[in-house]
Amino acid sequence: MGNLNFLYSRDLPHRAKLVYLYLYDRKNKDNVTWPGINTIARDLSLSRSTVKRAIRDLEQADLVKKEARCRTNGSATSNLYTLISEA
């Protein structure tokens, strides 16, 4: 996943491209990252709802897989995002 040129030619809203680049910049060697919605929104100067829409766009484009995570006490924590490489 070293080349992001595929992203620029995709028919995606600019919010989705921006959030994808943010997630890409923070992924580990397994293409996984877990920033919170508030963190993404703050860092990108976007609203929470815009970030949520962007992530939904990326899921629909099969570029990101989102998994909900819970703490040991059952409360929600940040989602886990797996970036799916472009073939």
N, C-alpha and C. Protein backbone atom coordinates (compact mmCIF):
# COMPACT_ATOMS: atom_id res chain seq x y z
N MET A 1 0.82 -1.20 0.00
CA MET A 1 0.00 0.00 0.00
C MET A 1 0.86 1.25 0.00
N GLY A 2 1.94 1.24 -0.70
CA GLY A 2 2.82 2.39 -0.69
C GLY A 2 2.39 3.49 -1.63
N ASN A 3 1.57 3.21 -2.61
CA ASN A 3 1.19 4.20 -3.60
C ASN A 3 -0.29 4.55 -3.44
N LEU A 4 -0.55 5.82 -3.24
CA LEU A 4 -1.93 6.27 -3.03
C LEU A 4 -2.57 6.86 -4.28
N ASN A 5 -1.95 6.72 -5.43
CA ASN A 5 -2.51 7.32 -6.64
C ASN A 5 -3.93 6.85 -6.93
N PHE A 6 -4.25 5.60 -6.57
CA PHE A 6 -5.60 5.08 -6.81
C PHE A 6 -6.65 5.94 -6.12
N LEU A 7 -6.29 6.53 -5.00
CA LEU A 7 -7.26 7.31 -4.22
C LEU A 7 -7.69 8.57 -4.97
N TYR A 8 -6.77 9.19 -5.66
CA TYR A 8 -7.06 10.45 -6.34
C TYR A 8 -7.99 10.27 -7.52
N SER A 9 -7.98 9.11 -8.12
CA SER A 9 -8.84 8.87 -9.28
C SER A 9 -10.21 8.31 -8.89
N ARG A 10 -10.40 7.98 -7.62
CA ARG A 10 -11.68 7.43 -7.16
C ARG A 10 -12.73 8.53 -7.10
N ASP A 11 -13.96 8.17 -7.38
CA ASP A 11 -15.07 9.11 -7.30
C ASP A 11 -15.58 9.13 -5.86
N LEU A 12 -14.87 9.87 -5.01
CA LEU A 12 -15.20 9.99 -3.60
C LEU A 12 -15.30 11.46 -3.22
N PRO A 13 -16.13 11.78 -2.24
CA PRO A 13 -16.16 13.15 -1.75
C PRO A 13 -14.80 13.52 -1.15
N HIS A 14 -14.47 14.79 -1.17
CA HIS A 14 -13.17 15.22 -0.64
C HIS A 14 -13.02 14.86 0.83
N ARG A 15 -14.13 14.85 1.58
CA ARG A 15 -14.05 14.49 3.00
C ARG A 15 -13.54 13.07 3.18
N ALA A 16 -13.97 12.16 2.30
CA ALA A 16 -13.55 10.76 2.40
C ALA A 16 -12.07 10.61 2.06
N LYS A 17 -11.62 11.31 1.05
CA LYS A 17 -10.20 11.25 0.69
C LYS A 17 -9.34 11.78 1.82
N LEU A 18 -9.77 12.88 2.43
CA LEU A 18 -9.01 13.47 3.53
C LEU A 18 -8.93 12.51 4.72
N VAL A 19 -10.05 11.92 5.09
CA VAL A 19 -10.07 10.99 6.22
C VAL A 19 -9.26 9.74 5.89
N TYR A 20 -9.32 9.25 4.65
CA TYR A 20 -8.52 8.09 4.28
C TYR A 20 -7.04 8.40 4.45
N LEU A 21 -6.60 9.56 3.99
CA LEU A 21 -5.19 9.95 4.14
C LEU A 21 -4.80 10.04 5.60
N TYR A 22 -5.70 10.54 6.43
CA TYR A 22 -5.45 10.62 7.87
C TYR A 22 -5.27 9.22 8.46
N LEU A 23 -6.17 8.32 8.14
CA LEU A 23 -6.07 6.95 8.64
C LEU A 23 -4.81 6.26 8.10
N TYR A 24 -4.51 6.49 6.84
CA TYR A 24 -3.33 5.90 6.22
C TYR A 24 -2.06 6.34 6.95
N ASP A 25 -2.01 7.60 7.30
CA ASP A 25 -0.84 8.15 7.97
C ASP A 25 -0.64 7.56 9.37
N ARG A 26 -1.69 7.01 9.96
CA ARG A 26 -1.64 6.50 11.32
C ARG A 26 -1.74 4.98 11.43
N LYS A 27 -1.73 4.29 10.32
CA LYS A 27 -1.88 2.83 10.33
C LYS A 27 -0.59 2.15 10.80
N ASN A 28 -0.76 0.94 11.31
CA ASN A 28 0.41 0.14 11.67
C ASN A 28 0.79 -0.76 10.49
N LYS A 29 1.76 -1.66 10.71
CA LYS A 29 2.23 -2.51 9.62
C LYS A 29 1.16 -3.46 9.09
N ASP A 30 0.10 -3.66 9.87
CA ASP A 30 -1.00 -4.52 9.46
C ASP A 30 -2.15 -3.73 8.83
N ASN A 31 -1.91 -2.46 8.52
CA ASN A 31 -2.91 -1.56 7.92
C ASN A 31 -4.09 -1.31 8.84
N VAL A 32 -3.86 -1.29 10.14
CA VAL A 32 -4.90 -1.09 11.14
C VAL A 32 -4.60 0.17 11.94
N THR A 33 -5.64 0.91 12.28
CA THR A 33 -5.52 2.11 13.12
C THR A 33 -6.80 2.26 13.93
N TRP A 34 -6.76 3.06 14.99
CA TRP A 34 -7.93 3.17 15.86
C TRP A 34 -8.11 4.55 16.49
N PRO A 35 -7.97 5.62 15.71
CA PRO A 35 -8.23 6.95 16.29
C PRO A 35 -9.73 7.14 16.55
N GLY A 36 -10.07 7.90 17.56
CA GLY A 36 -11.46 8.19 17.85
C GLY A 36 -12.02 9.22 16.88
N ILE A 37 -13.33 9.23 16.74
CA ILE A 37 -14.01 10.20 15.87
C ILE A 37 -13.67 11.63 16.29
N ASN A 38 -13.70 11.88 17.59
CA ASN A 38 -13.38 13.23 18.08
C ASN A 38 -11.96 13.64 17.71
N THR A 39 -11.03 12.72 17.80
CA THR A 39 -9.64 13.01 17.47
C THR A 39 -9.49 13.33 15.99
N ILE A 40 -10.11 12.51 15.14
CA ILE A 40 -10.05 12.77 13.70
C ILE A 40 -10.67 14.13 13.39
N ALA A 41 -11.83 14.38 13.96
CA ALA A 41 -12.53 15.64 13.71
C ALA A 41 -11.68 16.84 14.14
N ARG A 42 -11.10 16.74 15.32
CA ARG A 42 -10.27 17.84 15.83
C ARG A 42 -9.04 18.05 14.96
N ASP A 43 -8.34 16.97 14.65
CA ASP A 43 -7.11 17.08 13.87
C ASP A 43 -7.34 17.60 12.46
N LEU A 44 -8.48 17.29 11.87
CA LEU A 44 -8.78 17.70 10.49
C LEU A 44 -9.69 18.93 10.41
N SER A 45 -10.06 19.47 11.56
CA SER A 45 -10.98 20.62 11.61
C SER A 45 -12.28 20.33 10.88
N LEU A 46 -12.83 19.15 11.15
CA LEU A 46 -14.10 18.73 10.59
C LEU A 46 -15.08 18.47 11.73
N SER A 47 -16.35 18.43 11.43
CA SER A 47 -17.33 18.06 12.45
C SER A 47 -17.35 16.54 12.61
N ARG A 48 -17.86 16.09 13.75
CA ARG A 48 -17.99 14.65 13.99
C ARG A 48 -18.87 14.01 12.91
N SER A 49 -19.95 14.68 12.55
CA SER A 49 -20.86 14.10 11.56
C SER A 49 -20.20 14.00 10.19
N THR A 50 -19.34 14.95 9.84
CA THR A 50 -18.63 14.89 8.56
C THR A 50 -17.66 13.71 8.57
N VAL A 51 -16.97 13.50 9.67
CA VAL A 51 -16.05 12.36 9.79
C VAL A 51 -16.83 11.05 9.67
N LYS A 52 -17.96 10.96 10.34
CA LYS A 52 -18.78 9.75 10.25
C LYS A 52 -19.24 9.49 8.82
N ARG A 53 -19.66 10.55 8.12
CA ARG A 53 -20.08 10.40 6.72
C ARG A 53 -18.90 9.94 5.85
N ALA A 54 -17.72 10.50 6.11
CA ALA A 54 -16.53 10.13 5.34
C ALA A 54 -16.19 8.65 5.55
N ILE A 55 -16.26 8.20 6.78
CA ILE A 55 -15.97 6.79 7.06
C ILE A 55 -17.01 5.90 6.38
N ARG A 56 -18.26 6.31 6.40
CA ARG A 56 -19.31 5.55 5.70
C ARG A 56 -19.02 5.51 4.20
N ASP A 57 -18.58 6.64 3.63
CA ASP A 57 -18.19 6.68 2.21
C ASP A 57 -17.08 5.67 1.92
N LEU A 58 -16.09 5.63 2.81
CA LEU A 58 -14.94 4.74 2.62
C LEU A 58 -15.34 3.27 2.75
N GLU A 59 -16.26 2.99 3.67
CA GLU A 59 -16.76 1.62 3.81
C GLU A 59 -17.50 1.20 2.55
N GLN A 60 -18.35 2.08 2.03
CA GLN A 60 -19.13 1.76 0.83
C GLN A 60 -18.23 1.58 -0.39
N ALA A 61 -17.08 2.26 -0.39
CA ALA A 61 -16.12 2.13 -1.50
C ALA A 61 -15.17 0.96 -1.29
N ASP A 62 -15.38 0.20 -0.22
CA ASP A 62 -14.53 -0.95 0.12
C ASP A 62 -13.07 -0.56 0.29
N LEU A 63 -12.84 0.60 0.88
CA LEU A 63 -11.47 1.04 1.18
C LEU A 63 -11.13 0.92 2.66
N VAL A 64 -12.17 0.84 3.49
CA VAL A 64 -11.97 0.73 4.93
C VAL A 64 -12.99 -0.25 5.50
N LYS A 65 -12.52 -1.06 6.43
CA LYS A 65 -13.42 -1.94 7.19
C LYS A 65 -13.43 -1.42 8.62
N LYS A 66 -14.61 -1.14 9.15
CA LYS A 66 -14.75 -0.60 10.51
C LYS A 66 -15.26 -1.69 11.44
N GLU A 67 -14.61 -1.80 12.61
CA GLU A 67 -15.05 -2.73 13.63
C GLU A 67 -15.25 -1.98 14.94
N ALA A 68 -16.41 -2.15 15.55
CA ALA A 68 -16.66 -1.55 16.86
C ALA A 68 -15.84 -2.31 17.91
N ARG A 69 -15.35 -1.58 18.89
CA ARG A 69 -14.58 -2.20 19.98
C ARG A 69 -15.19 -1.81 21.31
N CYS A 70 -15.01 -2.68 22.29
CA CYS A 70 -15.51 -2.43 23.64
C CYS A 70 -14.40 -2.66 24.66
N ARG A 71 -14.47 -1.92 25.76
CA ARG A 71 -13.55 -2.13 26.88
C ARG A 71 -14.00 -3.38 27.64
N THR A 72 -13.17 -3.81 28.57
CA THR A 72 -13.51 -5.01 29.36
C THR A 72 -14.78 -4.82 30.18
N ASN A 73 -15.10 -3.56 30.53
CA ASN A 73 -16.33 -3.32 31.30
C ASN A 73 -17.57 -3.20 30.41
N GLY A 74 -17.38 -3.35 29.10
CA GLY A 74 -18.50 -3.32 28.17
C GLY A 74 -18.77 -1.97 27.52
N SER A 75 -18.11 -0.92 27.99
CA SER A 75 -18.34 0.39 27.39
C SER A 75 -17.61 0.51 26.05
N ALA A 76 -18.13 1.36 25.19
CA ALA A 76 -17.55 1.52 23.86
C ALA A 76 -16.24 2.29 23.92
N THR A 77 -15.36 1.95 23.01
CA THR A 77 -14.12 2.70 22.82
C THR A 77 -13.99 2.98 21.32
N SER A 78 -12.85 3.50 20.90
CA SER A 78 -12.70 3.87 19.49
C SER A 78 -12.84 2.64 18.59
N ASN A 79 -13.31 2.90 17.38
CA ASN A 79 -13.43 1.84 16.39
C ASN A 79 -12.05 1.43 15.89
N LEU A 80 -11.99 0.24 15.35
CA LEU A 80 -10.79 -0.26 14.71
C LEU A 80 -11.02 -0.13 13.20
N TYR A 81 -10.09 0.48 12.50
CA TYR A 81 -10.20 0.67 11.05
C TYR A 81 -9.10 -0.11 10.36
N THR A 82 -9.48 -0.96 9.43
CA THR A 82 -8.52 -1.68 8.60
C THR A 82 -8.60 -1.10 7.21
N LEU A 83 -7.45 -0.62 6.71
CA LEU A 83 -7.39 -0.07 5.37
C LEU A 83 -7.22 -1.22 4.39
N ILE A 84 -8.06 -1.23 3.38
CA ILE A 84 -8.06 -2.29 2.39
C ILE A 84 -7.27 -1.79 1.20
N SER A 85 -6.26 -2.54 0.82
CA SER A 85 -5.40 -2.09 -0.28
C SER A 85 -6.14 -2.21 -1.60
N GLU A 86 -5.83 -1.30 -2.46
CA GLU A 86 -6.40 -1.27 -3.81
C GLU A 86 -5.67 -2.28 -4.68
N ALA A 87 -6.41 -3.13 -5.35
CA ALA A 87 -5.77 -4.14 -6.21
C ALA A 87 -5.27 -3.54 -7.50
